[in-house]
Amino acid sequence: TRQTVSNKGSAGVDGMTVSELKEYLQTHQVTLFTKIVNEKYRPQAIL
């Protein structure tokens, strides 16, 4: 997370910026990781 924020970069297809990443993880981290472990995770398209 620290590396991603420090790299900056523009938003992807969902419009989320790096400044919003930490807040997103606080809310959705558990759900996101559960999907990954259960092999139900699907990545979004690349811009």
ModelCIF file with pLDDT and N, C-alpha, C, O atoms, coordinates in Angstrom:
data_MODEL
#
_entry.id   MODEL 
#
_entity.id                         1 
_entity.type                       polymer 
_entity.pdbx_number_of_molecules   1 
#
_entity_poly.entity_id                      1 
_entity_poly.type                           'polypeptide(L)' 
_entity_poly.nstd_linkage                   no 
_entity_poly.nstd_monomer                   no 
_entity_poly.pdbx_seq_one_letter_code       TRQTVSNKGSAGVDGMTVSELKEYLQTHQVTLFTKIVNEKYRPQAIL 
_entity_poly.pdbx_seq_one_letter_code_can   TRQTVSNKGSAGVDGMTVSELKEYLQTHQVTLFTKIVNEKYRPQAIL 
_entity_poly.pdbx_strand_id                 A 
#
loop_
_entity_poly_seq.entity_id 
_entity_poly_seq.num 
_entity_poly_seq.mon_id 
_entity_poly_seq.hetero 
1 1  THR n 
1 2  ARG n 
1 3  GLN n 
1 4  THR n 
1 5  VAL n 
1 6  SER n 
1 7  ASN n 
1 8  LYS n 
1 9  GLY n 
1 10 SER n 
1 11 ALA n 
1 12 GLY n 
1 13 VAL n 
1 14 ASP n 
1 15 GLY n 
1 16 MET n 
1 17 THR n 
1 18 VAL n 
1 19 SER n 
1 20 GLU n 
1 21 LEU n 
1 22 LYS n 
1 23 GLU n 
1 24 TYR n 
1 25 LEU n 
1 26 GLN n 
1 27 THR n 
1 28 HIS n 
1 29 GLN n 
1 30 VAL n 
1 31 THR n 
1 32 LEU n 
1 33 PHE n 
1 34 THR n 
1 35 LYS n 
1 36 ILE n 
1 37 VAL n 
1 38 ASN n 
1 39 GLU n 
1 40 LYS n 
1 41 TYR n 
1 42 ARG n 
1 43 PRO n 
1 44 GLN n 
1 45 ALA n 
1 46 ILE n 
1 47 LEU n 
#
_struct_asym.id          A 
_struct_asym.entity_id   1 
#
loop_
_ma_qa_metric.id 
_ma_qa_metric.mode 
_ma_qa_metric.name 
_ma_qa_metric.software_group_id 
_ma_qa_metric.type 
1 global pLDDT . pLDDT 
2 local  pLDDT . pLDDT 
#
_ma_qa_metric_global.metric_id      1 
_ma_qa_metric_global.metric_value   90.38 
_ma_qa_metric_global.model_id       1 
_ma_qa_metric_global.ordinal_id     1 
#
loop_
_ma_qa_metric_local.label_asym_id 
_ma_qa_metric_local.label_comp_id 
_ma_qa_metric_local.label_seq_id 
_ma_qa_metric_local.metric_id 
_ma_qa_metric_local.metric_value 
_ma_qa_metric_local.model_id 
_ma_qa_metric_local.ordinal_id 
A THR 1  2 92.00 1 1  
A ARG 2  2 93.00 1 2  
A GLN 3  2 92.00 1 3  
A THR 4  2 92.00 1 4  
A VAL 5  2 91.00 1 5  
A SER 6  2 92.00 1 6  
A ASN 7  2 89.00 1 7  
A LYS 8  2 88.00 1 8  
A GLY 9  2 85.00 1 9  
A SER 10 2 87.00 1 10 
A ALA 11 2 88.00 1 11 
A GLY 12 2 87.00 1 12 
A VAL 13 2 89.00 1 13 
A ASP 14 2 88.00 1 14 
A GLY 15 2 88.00 1 15 
A MET 16 2 90.00 1 16 
A THR 17 2 91.00 1 17 
A VAL 18 2 90.00 1 18 
A SER 19 2 90.00 1 19 
A GLU 20 2 91.00 1 20 
A LEU 21 2 91.00 1 21 
A LYS 22 2 91.00 1 22 
A GLU 23 2 91.00 1 23 
A TYR 24 2 89.00 1 24 
A LEU 25 2 90.00 1 25 
A GLN 26 2 90.00 1 26 
A THR 27 2 91.00 1 27 
A HIS 28 2 90.00 1 28 
A GLN 29 2 91.00 1 29 
A VAL 30 2 91.00 1 30 
A THR 31 2 92.00 1 31 
A LEU 32 2 91.00 1 32 
A PHE 33 2 92.00 1 33 
A THR 34 2 91.00 1 34 
A LYS 35 2 92.00 1 35 
A ILE 36 2 92.00 1 36 
A VAL 37 2 92.00 1 37 
A ASN 38 2 91.00 1 38 
A GLU 39 2 90.00 1 39 
A LYS 40 2 91.00 1 40 
A TYR 41 2 90.00 1 41 
A ARG 42 2 92.00 1 42 
A PRO 43 2 91.00 1 43 
A GLN 44 2 91.00 1 44 
A ALA 45 2 91.00 1 45 
A ILE 46 2 91.00 1 46 
A LEU 47 2 90.00 1 47 
#
loop_
_atom_site.group_PDB 
_atom_site.id 
_atom_site.type_symbol 
_atom_site.label_atom_id 
_atom_site.label_alt_id 
_atom_site.label_comp_id 
_atom_site.label_asym_id 
_atom_site.label_entity_id 
_atom_site.label_seq_id 
_atom_site.pdbx_PDB_ins_code 
_atom_site.Cartn_x 
_atom_site.Cartn_y 
_atom_site.Cartn_z 
_atom_site.occupancy 
_atom_site.B_iso_or_equiv 
_atom_site.pdbx_formal_charge 
_atom_site.auth_seq_id 
_atom_site.auth_comp_id 
_atom_site.auth_asym_id 
_atom_site.auth_atom_id 
_atom_site.pdbx_PDB_model_num 
ATOM 1   N N  . THR A 1 1  ? 0.834   -1.204  0.000   1.00 92.00 ? 1  THR A N  1 
ATOM 2   C CA . THR A 1 1  ? 0.000   0.000   0.000   1.00 92.00 ? 1  THR A CA 1 
ATOM 3   C C  . THR A 1 1  ? 0.870   1.256   0.000   1.00 92.00 ? 1  THR A C  1 
ATOM 4   O O  . THR A 1 1  ? 0.628   2.191   -0.764  1.00 92.00 ? 1  THR A O  1 
ATOM 5   N N  . ARG A 1 2  ? 1.877   1.266   0.861   1.00 93.00 ? 2  ARG A N  1 
ATOM 6   C CA . ARG A 1 2  ? 2.787   2.421   0.917   1.00 93.00 ? 2  ARG A CA 1 
ATOM 7   C C  . ARG A 1 2  ? 3.475   2.637   -0.423  1.00 93.00 ? 2  ARG A C  1 
ATOM 8   O O  . ARG A 1 2  ? 3.610   3.771   -0.882  1.00 93.00 ? 2  ARG A O  1 
ATOM 9   N N  . GLN A 1 3  ? 3.909   1.550   -1.049  1.00 92.00 ? 3  GLN A N  1 
ATOM 10  C CA . GLN A 1 3  ? 4.594   1.649   -2.339  1.00 92.00 ? 3  GLN A CA 1 
ATOM 11  C C  . GLN A 1 3  ? 3.656   2.156   -3.420  1.00 92.00 ? 3  GLN A C  1 
ATOM 12  O O  . GLN A 1 3  ? 4.048   2.980   -4.247  1.00 92.00 ? 3  GLN A O  1 
ATOM 13  N N  . THR A 1 4  ? 2.429   1.675   -3.422  1.00 92.00 ? 4  THR A N  1 
ATOM 14  C CA . THR A 1 4  ? 1.439   2.105   -4.418  1.00 92.00 ? 4  THR A CA 1 
ATOM 15  C C  . THR A 1 4  ? 1.132   3.590   -4.275  1.00 92.00 ? 4  THR A C  1 
ATOM 16  O O  . THR A 1 4  ? 1.040   4.309   -5.269  1.00 92.00 ? 4  THR A O  1 
ATOM 17  N N  . VAL A 1 5  ? 0.976   4.043   -3.045  1.00 91.00 ? 5  VAL A N  1 
ATOM 18  C CA . VAL A 1 5  ? 0.691   5.458   -2.795  1.00 91.00 ? 5  VAL A CA 1 
ATOM 19  C C  . VAL A 1 5  ? 1.877   6.328   -3.197  1.00 91.00 ? 5  VAL A C  1 
ATOM 20  O O  . VAL A 1 5  ? 1.696   7.388   -3.796  1.00 91.00 ? 5  VAL A O  1 
ATOM 21  N N  . SER A 1 6  ? 3.091   5.882   -2.869  1.00 92.00 ? 6  SER A N  1 
ATOM 22  C CA . SER A 1 6  ? 4.287   6.660   -3.201  1.00 92.00 ? 6  SER A CA 1 
ATOM 23  C C  . SER A 1 6  ? 4.538   6.720   -4.705  1.00 92.00 ? 6  SER A C  1 
ATOM 24  O O  . SER A 1 6  ? 5.087   7.699   -5.210  1.00 92.00 ? 6  SER A O  1 
ATOM 25  N N  . ASN A 1 7  ? 4.134   5.668   -5.418  1.00 89.00 ? 7  ASN A N  1 
ATOM 26  C CA . ASN A 1 7  ? 4.281   5.653   -6.882  1.00 89.00 ? 7  ASN A CA 1 
ATOM 27  C C  . ASN A 1 7  ? 3.314   6.614   -7.576  1.00 89.00 ? 7  ASN A C  1 
ATOM 28  O O  . ASN A 1 7  ? 3.508   6.986   -8.734  1.00 89.00 ? 7  ASN A O  1 
ATOM 29  N N  . LYS A 1 8  ? 2.278   7.004   -6.848  1.00 88.00 ? 8  LYS A N  1 
ATOM 30  C CA . LYS A 1 8  ? 1.232   7.882   -7.367  1.00 88.00 ? 8  LYS A CA 1 
ATOM 31  C C  . LYS A 1 8  ? 0.575   7.235   -8.585  1.00 88.00 ? 8  LYS A C  1 
ATOM 32  O O  . LYS A 1 8  ? 0.067   6.118   -8.489  1.00 88.00 ? 8  LYS A O  1 
ATOM 33  N N  . GLY A 1 9  ? 0.579   7.909   -9.707  1.00 85.00 ? 9  GLY A N  1 
ATOM 34  C CA . GLY A 1 9  ? -0.080  7.344   -10.885 1.00 85.00 ? 9  GLY A CA 1 
ATOM 35  C C  . GLY A 1 9  ? -1.541  7.737   -10.955 1.00 85.00 ? 9  GLY A C  1 
ATOM 36  O O  . GLY A 1 9  ? -2.147  8.138   -9.962  1.00 85.00 ? 9  GLY A O  1 
ATOM 37  N N  . SER A 1 10 ? -2.095  7.612   -12.155 1.00 87.00 ? 10 SER A N  1 
ATOM 38  C CA . SER A 1 10 ? -3.477  8.027   -12.386 1.00 87.00 ? 10 SER A CA 1 
ATOM 39  C C  . SER A 1 10 ? -4.457  6.919   -12.011 1.00 87.00 ? 10 SER A C  1 
ATOM 40  O O  . SER A 1 10 ? -4.074  5.775   -11.763 1.00 87.00 ? 10 SER A O  1 
ATOM 41  N N  . ALA A 1 11 ? -5.737  7.298   -11.978 1.00 88.00 ? 11 ALA A N  1 
ATOM 42  C CA . ALA A 1 11 ? -6.793  6.340   -11.637 1.00 88.00 ? 11 ALA A CA 1 
ATOM 43  C C  . ALA A 1 11 ? -7.046  5.370   -12.777 1.00 88.00 ? 11 ALA A C  1 
ATOM 44  O O  . ALA A 1 11 ? -6.764  5.676   -13.935 1.00 88.00 ? 11 ALA A O  1 
ATOM 45  N N  . GLY A 1 12 ? -7.579  4.195   -12.448 1.00 87.00 ? 12 GLY A N  1 
ATOM 46  C CA . GLY A 1 12 ? -7.947  3.209   -13.455 1.00 87.00 ? 12 GLY A CA 1 
ATOM 47  C C  . GLY A 1 12 ? -9.375  3.402   -13.935 1.00 87.00 ? 12 GLY A C  1 
ATOM 48  O O  . GLY A 1 12 ? -9.908  4.510   -13.883 1.00 87.00 ? 12 GLY A O  1 
ATOM 49  N N  . VAL A 1 13 ? -9.990  2.333   -14.398 1.00 89.00 ? 13 VAL A N  1 
ATOM 50  C CA . VAL A 1 13 ? -11.347 2.429   -14.956 1.00 89.00 ? 13 VAL A CA 1 
ATOM 51  C C  . VAL A 1 13 ? -12.396 2.790   -13.911 1.00 89.00 ? 13 VAL A C  1 
ATOM 52  O O  . VAL A 1 13 ? -13.450 3.325   -14.255 1.00 89.00 ? 13 VAL A O  1 
ATOM 53  N N  . ASP A 1 14 ? -12.118 2.504   -12.625 1.00 88.00 ? 14 ASP A N  1 
ATOM 54  C CA . ASP A 1 14 ? -13.099 2.801   -11.574 1.00 88.00 ? 14 ASP A CA 1 
ATOM 55  C C  . ASP A 1 14 ? -13.002 4.228   -11.051 1.00 88.00 ? 14 ASP A C  1 
ATOM 56  O O  . ASP A 1 14 ? -13.844 4.653   -10.260 1.00 88.00 ? 14 ASP A O  1 
ATOM 57  N N  . GLY A 1 15 ? -11.991 4.973   -11.479 1.00 88.00 ? 15 GLY A N  1 
ATOM 58  C CA . GLY A 1 15 ? -11.843 6.362   -11.058 1.00 88.00 ? 15 GLY A CA 1 
ATOM 59  C C  . GLY A 1 15 ? -11.236 6.569   -9.687  1.00 88.00 ? 15 GLY A C  1 
ATOM 60  O O  . GLY A 1 15 ? -11.079 7.716   -9.267  1.00 88.00 ? 15 GLY A O  1 
ATOM 61  N N  . MET A 1 16 ? -10.883 5.502   -8.962  1.00 90.00 ? 16 MET A N  1 
ATOM 62  C CA . MET A 1 16 ? -10.311 5.639   -7.632  1.00 90.00 ? 16 MET A CA 1 
ATOM 63  C C  . MET A 1 16 ? -8.870  6.148   -7.711  1.00 90.00 ? 16 MET A C  1 
ATOM 64  O O  . MET A 1 16 ? -8.079  5.657   -8.516  1.00 90.00 ? 16 MET A O  1 
ATOM 65  N N  . THR A 1 17 ? -8.531  7.131   -6.876  1.00 91.00 ? 17 THR A N  1 
ATOM 66  C CA . THR A 1 17 ? -7.182  7.674   -6.822  1.00 91.00 ? 17 THR A CA 1 
ATOM 67  C C  . THR A 1 17 ? -6.389  7.001   -5.699  1.00 91.00 ? 17 THR A C  1 
ATOM 68  O O  . THR A 1 17 ? -6.969  6.338   -4.838  1.00 91.00 ? 17 THR A O  1 
ATOM 69  N N  . VAL A 1 18 ? -5.063  7.172   -5.709  1.00 90.00 ? 18 VAL A N  1 
ATOM 70  C CA . VAL A 1 18 ? -4.226  6.540   -4.689  1.00 90.00 ? 18 VAL A CA 1 
ATOM 71  C C  . VAL A 1 18 ? -4.520  7.087   -3.292  1.00 90.00 ? 18 VAL A C  1 
ATOM 72  O O  . VAL A 1 18 ? -4.323  6.391   -2.296  1.00 90.00 ? 18 VAL A O  1 
ATOM 73  N N  . SER A 1 19 ? -4.987  8.324   -3.222  1.00 90.00 ? 19 SER A N  1 
ATOM 74  C CA . SER A 1 19 ? -5.304  8.925   -1.922  1.00 90.00 ? 19 SER A CA 1 
ATOM 75  C C  . SER A 1 19 ? -6.515  8.265   -1.263  1.00 90.00 ? 19 SER A C  1 
ATOM 76  O O  . SER A 1 19 ? -6.710  8.386   -0.054  1.00 90.00 ? 19 SER A O  1 
ATOM 77  N N  . GLU A 1 20 ? -7.321  7.575   -2.053  1.00 91.00 ? 20 GLU A N  1 
ATOM 78  C CA . GLU A 1 20 ? -8.518  6.913   -1.535  1.00 91.00 ? 20 GLU A CA 1 
ATOM 79  C C  . GLU A 1 20 ? -8.278  5.450   -1.168  1.00 91.00 ? 20 GLU A C  1 
ATOM 80  O O  . GLU A 1 20 ? -9.170  4.789   -0.638  1.00 91.00 ? 20 GLU A O  1 
ATOM 81  N N  . LEU A 1 21 ? -7.079  4.945   -1.448  1.00 91.00 ? 21 LEU A N  1 
ATOM 82  C CA . LEU A 1 21 ? -6.815  3.518   -1.289  1.00 91.00 ? 21 LEU A CA 1 
ATOM 83  C C  . LEU A 1 21 ? -6.927  3.059   0.158   1.00 91.00 ? 21 LEU A C  1 
ATOM 84  O O  . LEU A 1 21 ? -7.599  2.067   0.438   1.00 91.00 ? 21 LEU A O  1 
ATOM 85  N N  . LYS A 1 22 ? -6.280  3.764   1.084   1.00 91.00 ? 22 LYS A N  1 
ATOM 86  C CA . LYS A 1 22 ? -6.280  3.344   2.490   1.00 91.00 ? 22 LYS A CA 1 
ATOM 87  C C  . LYS A 1 22 ? -7.697  3.292   3.063   1.00 91.00 ? 22 LYS A C  1 
ATOM 88  O O  . LYS A 1 22 ? -8.056  2.357   3.779   1.00 91.00 ? 22 LYS A O  1 
ATOM 89  N N  . GLU A 1 23 ? -8.484  4.295   2.742   1.00 91.00 ? 23 GLU A N  1 
ATOM 90  C CA . GLU A 1 23 ? -9.878  4.327   3.217   1.00 91.00 ? 23 GLU A CA 1 
ATOM 91  C C  . GLU A 1 23 ? -10.674 3.155   2.649   1.00 91.00 ? 23 GLU A C  1 
ATOM 92  O O  . GLU A 1 23 ? -11.485 2.550   3.351   1.00 91.00 ? 23 GLU A O  1 
ATOM 93  N N  . TYR A 1 24 ? -10.439 2.836   1.372   1.00 89.00 ? 24 TYR A N  1 
ATOM 94  C CA . TYR A 1 24 ? -11.133 1.707   0.733   1.00 89.00 ? 24 TYR A CA 1 
ATOM 95  C C  . TYR A 1 24 ? -10.786 0.395   1.438   1.00 89.00 ? 24 TYR A C  1 
ATOM 96  O O  . TYR A 1 24 ? -11.662 -0.428  1.704   1.00 89.00 ? 24 TYR A O  1 
ATOM 97  N N  . LEU A 1 25 ? -9.494  0.210   1.739   1.00 90.00 ? 25 LEU A N  1 
ATOM 98  C CA . LEU A 1 25 ? -9.064  -1.034  2.379   1.00 90.00 ? 25 LEU A CA 1 
ATOM 99  C C  . LEU A 1 25 ? -9.641  -1.185  3.774   1.00 90.00 ? 25 LEU A C  1 
ATOM 100 O O  . LEU A 1 25 ? -9.962  -2.299  4.189   1.00 90.00 ? 25 LEU A O  1 
ATOM 101 N N  . GLN A 1 26 ? -9.779  -0.094  4.504   1.00 90.00 ? 26 GLN A N  1 
ATOM 102 C CA . GLN A 1 26 ? -10.370 -0.150  5.844   1.00 90.00 ? 26 GLN A CA 1 
ATOM 103 C C  . GLN A 1 26 ? -11.776 -0.723  5.812   1.00 90.00 ? 26 GLN A C  1 
ATOM 104 O O  . GLN A 1 26 ? -12.192 -1.414  6.742   1.00 90.00 ? 26 GLN A O  1 
ATOM 105 N N  . THR A 1 27 ? -12.507 -0.438  4.742   1.00 91.00 ? 27 THR A N  1 
ATOM 106 C CA . THR A 1 27 ? -13.903 -0.865  4.620   1.00 91.00 ? 27 THR A CA 1 
ATOM 107 C C  . THR A 1 27 ? -14.047 -2.217  3.928   1.00 91.00 ? 27 THR A C  1 
ATOM 108 O O  . THR A 1 27 ? -14.889 -3.023  4.323   1.00 91.00 ? 27 THR A O  1 
ATOM 109 N N  . HIS A 1 28 ? -13.235 -2.476  2.898   1.00 90.00 ? 28 HIS A N  1 
ATOM 110 C CA . HIS A 1 28 ? -13.464 -3.620  2.019   1.00 90.00 ? 28 HIS A CA 1 
ATOM 111 C C  . HIS A 1 28 ? -12.368 -4.684  2.059   1.00 90.00 ? 28 HIS A C  1 
ATOM 112 O O  . HIS A 1 28 ? -12.459 -5.673  1.331   1.00 90.00 ? 28 HIS A O  1 
ATOM 113 N N  . GLN A 1 29 ? -11.350 -4.515  2.873   1.00 91.00 ? 29 GLN A N  1 
ATOM 114 C CA . GLN A 1 29 ? -10.226 -5.441  2.855   1.00 91.00 ? 29 GLN A CA 1 
ATOM 115 C C  . GLN A 1 29 ? -10.630 -6.887  3.124   1.00 91.00 ? 29 GLN A C  1 
ATOM 116 O O  . GLN A 1 29 ? -10.215 -7.790  2.397   1.00 91.00 ? 29 GLN A O  1 
ATOM 117 N N  . VAL A 1 30 ? -11.425 -7.114  4.149   1.00 91.00 ? 30 VAL A N  1 
ATOM 118 C CA . VAL A 1 30 ? -11.825 -8.482  4.521   1.00 91.00 ? 30 VAL A CA 1 
ATOM 119 C C  . VAL A 1 30 ? -12.581 -9.153  3.382   1.00 91.00 ? 30 VAL A C  1 
ATOM 120 O O  . VAL A 1 30 ? -12.298 -10.298 3.031   1.00 91.00 ? 30 VAL A O  1 
ATOM 121 N N  . THR A 1 31 ? -13.546 -8.434  2.805   1.00 92.00 ? 31 THR A N  1 
ATOM 122 C CA . THR A 1 31 ? -14.335 -8.978  1.690   1.00 92.00 ? 31 THR A CA 1 
ATOM 123 C C  . THR A 1 31 ? -13.445 -9.285  0.489   1.00 92.00 ? 31 THR A C  1 
ATOM 124 O O  . THR A 1 31 ? -13.572 -10.336 -0.139  1.00 92.00 ? 31 THR A O  1 
ATOM 125 N N  . LEU A 1 32 ? -12.548 -8.360  0.179   1.00 91.00 ? 32 LEU A N  1 
ATOM 126 C CA . LEU A 1 32 ? -11.637 -8.523  -0.954  1.00 91.00 ? 32 LEU A CA 1 
ATOM 127 C C  . LEU A 1 32 ? -10.756 -9.754  -0.787  1.00 91.00 ? 32 LEU A C  1 
ATOM 128 O O  . LEU A 1 32 ? -10.618 -10.552 -1.715  1.00 91.00 ? 32 LEU A O  1 
ATOM 129 N N  . PHE A 1 33 ? -10.163 -9.911  0.381   1.00 92.00 ? 33 PHE A N  1 
ATOM 130 C CA . PHE A 1 33 ? -9.249  -11.030 0.627   1.00 92.00 ? 33 PHE A CA 1 
ATOM 131 C C  . PHE A 1 33 ? -9.992  -12.364 0.671   1.00 92.00 ? 33 PHE A C  1 
ATOM 132 O O  . PHE A 1 33 ? -9.456  -13.389 0.250   1.00 92.00 ? 33 PHE A O  1 
ATOM 133 N N  . THR A 1 34 ? -11.203 -12.352 1.172   1.00 91.00 ? 34 THR A N  1 
ATOM 134 C CA . THR A 1 34 ? -12.017 -13.581 1.194   1.00 91.00 ? 34 THR A CA 1 
ATOM 135 C C  . THR A 1 34 ? -12.300 -14.057 -0.229  1.00 91.00 ? 34 THR A C  1 
ATOM 136 O O  . THR A 1 34 ? -12.212 -15.250 -0.520  1.00 91.00 ? 34 THR A O  1 
ATOM 137 N N  . LYS A 1 35 ? -12.635 -13.134 -1.100  1.00 92.00 ? 35 LYS A N  1 
ATOM 138 C CA . LYS A 1 35 ? -12.875 -13.484 -2.509  1.00 92.00 ? 35 LYS A CA 1 
ATOM 139 C C  . LYS A 1 35 ? -11.627 -14.079 -3.152  1.00 92.00 ? 35 LYS A C  1 
ATOM 140 O O  . LYS A 1 35 ? -11.708 -15.045 -3.910  1.00 92.00 ? 35 LYS A O  1 
ATOM 141 N N  . ILE A 1 36 ? -10.466 -13.489 -2.840  1.00 92.00 ? 36 ILE A N  1 
ATOM 142 C CA . ILE A 1 36 ? -9.208  -13.978 -3.423  1.00 92.00 ? 36 ILE A CA 1 
ATOM 143 C C  . ILE A 1 36 ? -8.925  -15.402 -2.964  1.00 92.00 ? 36 ILE A C  1 
ATOM 144 O O  . ILE A 1 36 ? -8.624  -16.266 -3.788  1.00 92.00 ? 36 ILE A O  1 
ATOM 145 N N  . VAL A 1 37 ? -9.018  -15.658 -1.668  1.00 92.00 ? 37 VAL A N  1 
ATOM 146 C CA . VAL A 1 37 ? -8.723  -16.980 -1.108  1.00 92.00 ? 37 VAL A CA 1 
ATOM 147 C C  . VAL A 1 37 ? -9.696  -18.030 -1.635  1.00 92.00 ? 37 VAL A C  1 
ATOM 148 O O  . VAL A 1 37 ? -9.300  -19.165 -1.899  1.00 92.00 ? 37 VAL A O  1 
ATOM 149 N N  . ASN A 1 38 ? -10.967 -17.658 -1.789  1.00 91.00 ? 38 ASN A N  1 
ATOM 150 C CA . ASN A 1 38 ? -11.996 -18.588 -2.273  1.00 91.00 ? 38 ASN A CA 1 
ATOM 151 C C  . ASN A 1 38 ? -12.047 -18.672 -3.800  1.00 91.00 ? 38 ASN A C  1 
ATOM 152 O O  . ASN A 1 38 ? -12.918 -19.333 -4.366  1.00 91.00 ? 38 ASN A O  1 
ATOM 153 N N  . GLU A 1 39 ? -11.098 -17.992 -4.461  1.00 90.00 ? 39 GLU A N  1 
ATOM 154 C CA . GLU A 1 39 ? -10.985 -18.006 -5.923  1.00 90.00 ? 39 GLU A CA 1 
ATOM 155 C C  . GLU A 1 39 ? -12.243 -17.481 -6.623  1.00 90.00 ? 39 GLU A C  1 
ATOM 156 O O  . GLU A 1 39 ? -12.626 -17.967 -7.687  1.00 90.00 ? 39 GLU A O  1 
ATOM 157 N N  . LYS A 1 40 ? -12.871 -16.485 -6.006  1.00 91.00 ? 40 LYS A N  1 
ATOM 158 C CA . LYS A 1 40 ? -14.041 -15.839 -6.608  1.00 91.00 ? 40 LYS A CA 1 
ATOM 159 C C  . LYS A 1 40 ? -13.728 -14.413 -7.083  1.00 91.00 ? 40 LYS A C  1 
ATOM 160 O O  . LYS A 1 40 ? -14.601 -13.708 -7.587  1.00 91.00 ? 40 LYS A O  1 
ATOM 161 N N  . TYR A 1 41 ? -12.505 -14.020 -6.915  1.00 90.00 ? 41 TYR A N  1 
ATOM 162 C CA . TYR A 1 41 ? -12.095 -12.658 -7.272  1.00 90.00 ? 41 TYR A CA 1 
ATOM 163 C C  . TYR A 1 41 ? -11.916 -12.525 -8.787  1.00 90.00 ? 41 TYR A C  1 
ATOM 164 O O  . TYR A 1 41 ? -11.350 -13.409 -9.430  1.00 90.00 ? 41 TYR A O  1 
ATOM 165 N N  . ARG A 1 42 ? -12.399 -11.424 -9.345  1.00 92.00 ? 42 ARG A N  1 
ATOM 166 C CA . ARG A 1 42 ? -12.237 -11.108 -10.762 1.00 92.00 ? 42 ARG A CA 1 
ATOM 167 C C  . ARG A 1 42 ? -11.693 -9.682  -10.891 1.00 92.00 ? 42 ARG A C  1 
ATOM 168 O O  . ARG A 1 42 ? -12.300 -8.739  -10.383 1.00 92.00 ? 42 ARG A O  1 
ATOM 169 N N  . PRO A 1 43 ? -10.573 -9.526  -11.554 1.00 91.00 ? 43 PRO A N  1 
ATOM 170 C CA . PRO A 1 43 ? -10.016 -8.169  -11.696 1.00 91.00 ? 43 PRO A CA 1 
ATOM 171 C C  . PRO A 1 43 ? -10.830 -7.324  -12.662 1.00 91.00 ? 43 PRO A C  1 
ATOM 172 O O  . PRO A 1 43 ? -11.502 -7.843  -13.554 1.00 91.00 ? 43 PRO A O  1 
ATOM 173 N N  . GLN A 1 44 ? -10.758 -6.016  -12.468 1.00 91.00 ? 44 GLN A N  1 
ATOM 174 C CA . GLN A 1 44 ? -11.410 -5.094  -13.387 1.00 91.00 ? 44 GLN A CA 1 
ATOM 175 C C  . GLN A 1 44 ? -10.551 -4.901  -14.639 1.00 91.00 ? 44 GLN A C  1 
ATOM 176 O O  . GLN A 1 44 ? -9.376  -5.267  -14.679 1.00 91.00 ? 44 GLN A O  1 
ATOM 177 N N  . ALA A 1 45 ? -11.169 -4.323  -15.640 1.00 91.00 ? 45 ALA A N  1 
ATOM 178 C CA . ALA A 1 45 ? -10.448 -4.065  -16.889 1.00 91.00 ? 45 ALA A CA 1 
ATOM 179 C C  . ALA A 1 45 ? -9.311  -3.065  -16.670 1.00 91.00 ? 45 ALA A C  1 
ATOM 180 O O  . ALA A 1 45 ? -9.323  -2.275  -15.727 1.00 91.00 ? 45 ALA A O  1 
ATOM 181 N N  . ILE A 1 46 ? -8.343  -3.125  -17.560 1.00 91.00 ? 46 ILE A N  1 
ATOM 182 C CA . ILE A 1 46 ? -7.207  -2.199  -17.533 1.00 91.00 ? 46 ILE A CA 1 
ATOM 183 C C  . ILE A 1 46 ? -7.534  -0.999  -18.419 1.00 91.00 ? 46 ILE A C  1 
ATOM 184 O O  . ILE A 1 46 ? -8.096  -1.154  -19.503 1.00 91.00 ? 46 ILE A O  1 
ATOM 185 N N  . LEU A 1 47 ? -7.186  0.176   -17.957 1.00 90.00 ? 47 LEU A N  1 
ATOM 186 C CA . LEU A 1 47 ? -7.402  1.388   -18.743 1.00 90.00 ? 47 LEU A CA 1 
ATOM 187 C C  . LEU A 1 47 ? -6.229  1.576   -19.707 1.00 90.00 ? 47 LEU A C  1 
ATOM 188 O O  . LEU A 1 47 ? -6.206  2.542   -20.470 1.00 90.00 ? 47 LEU A O  1 
#
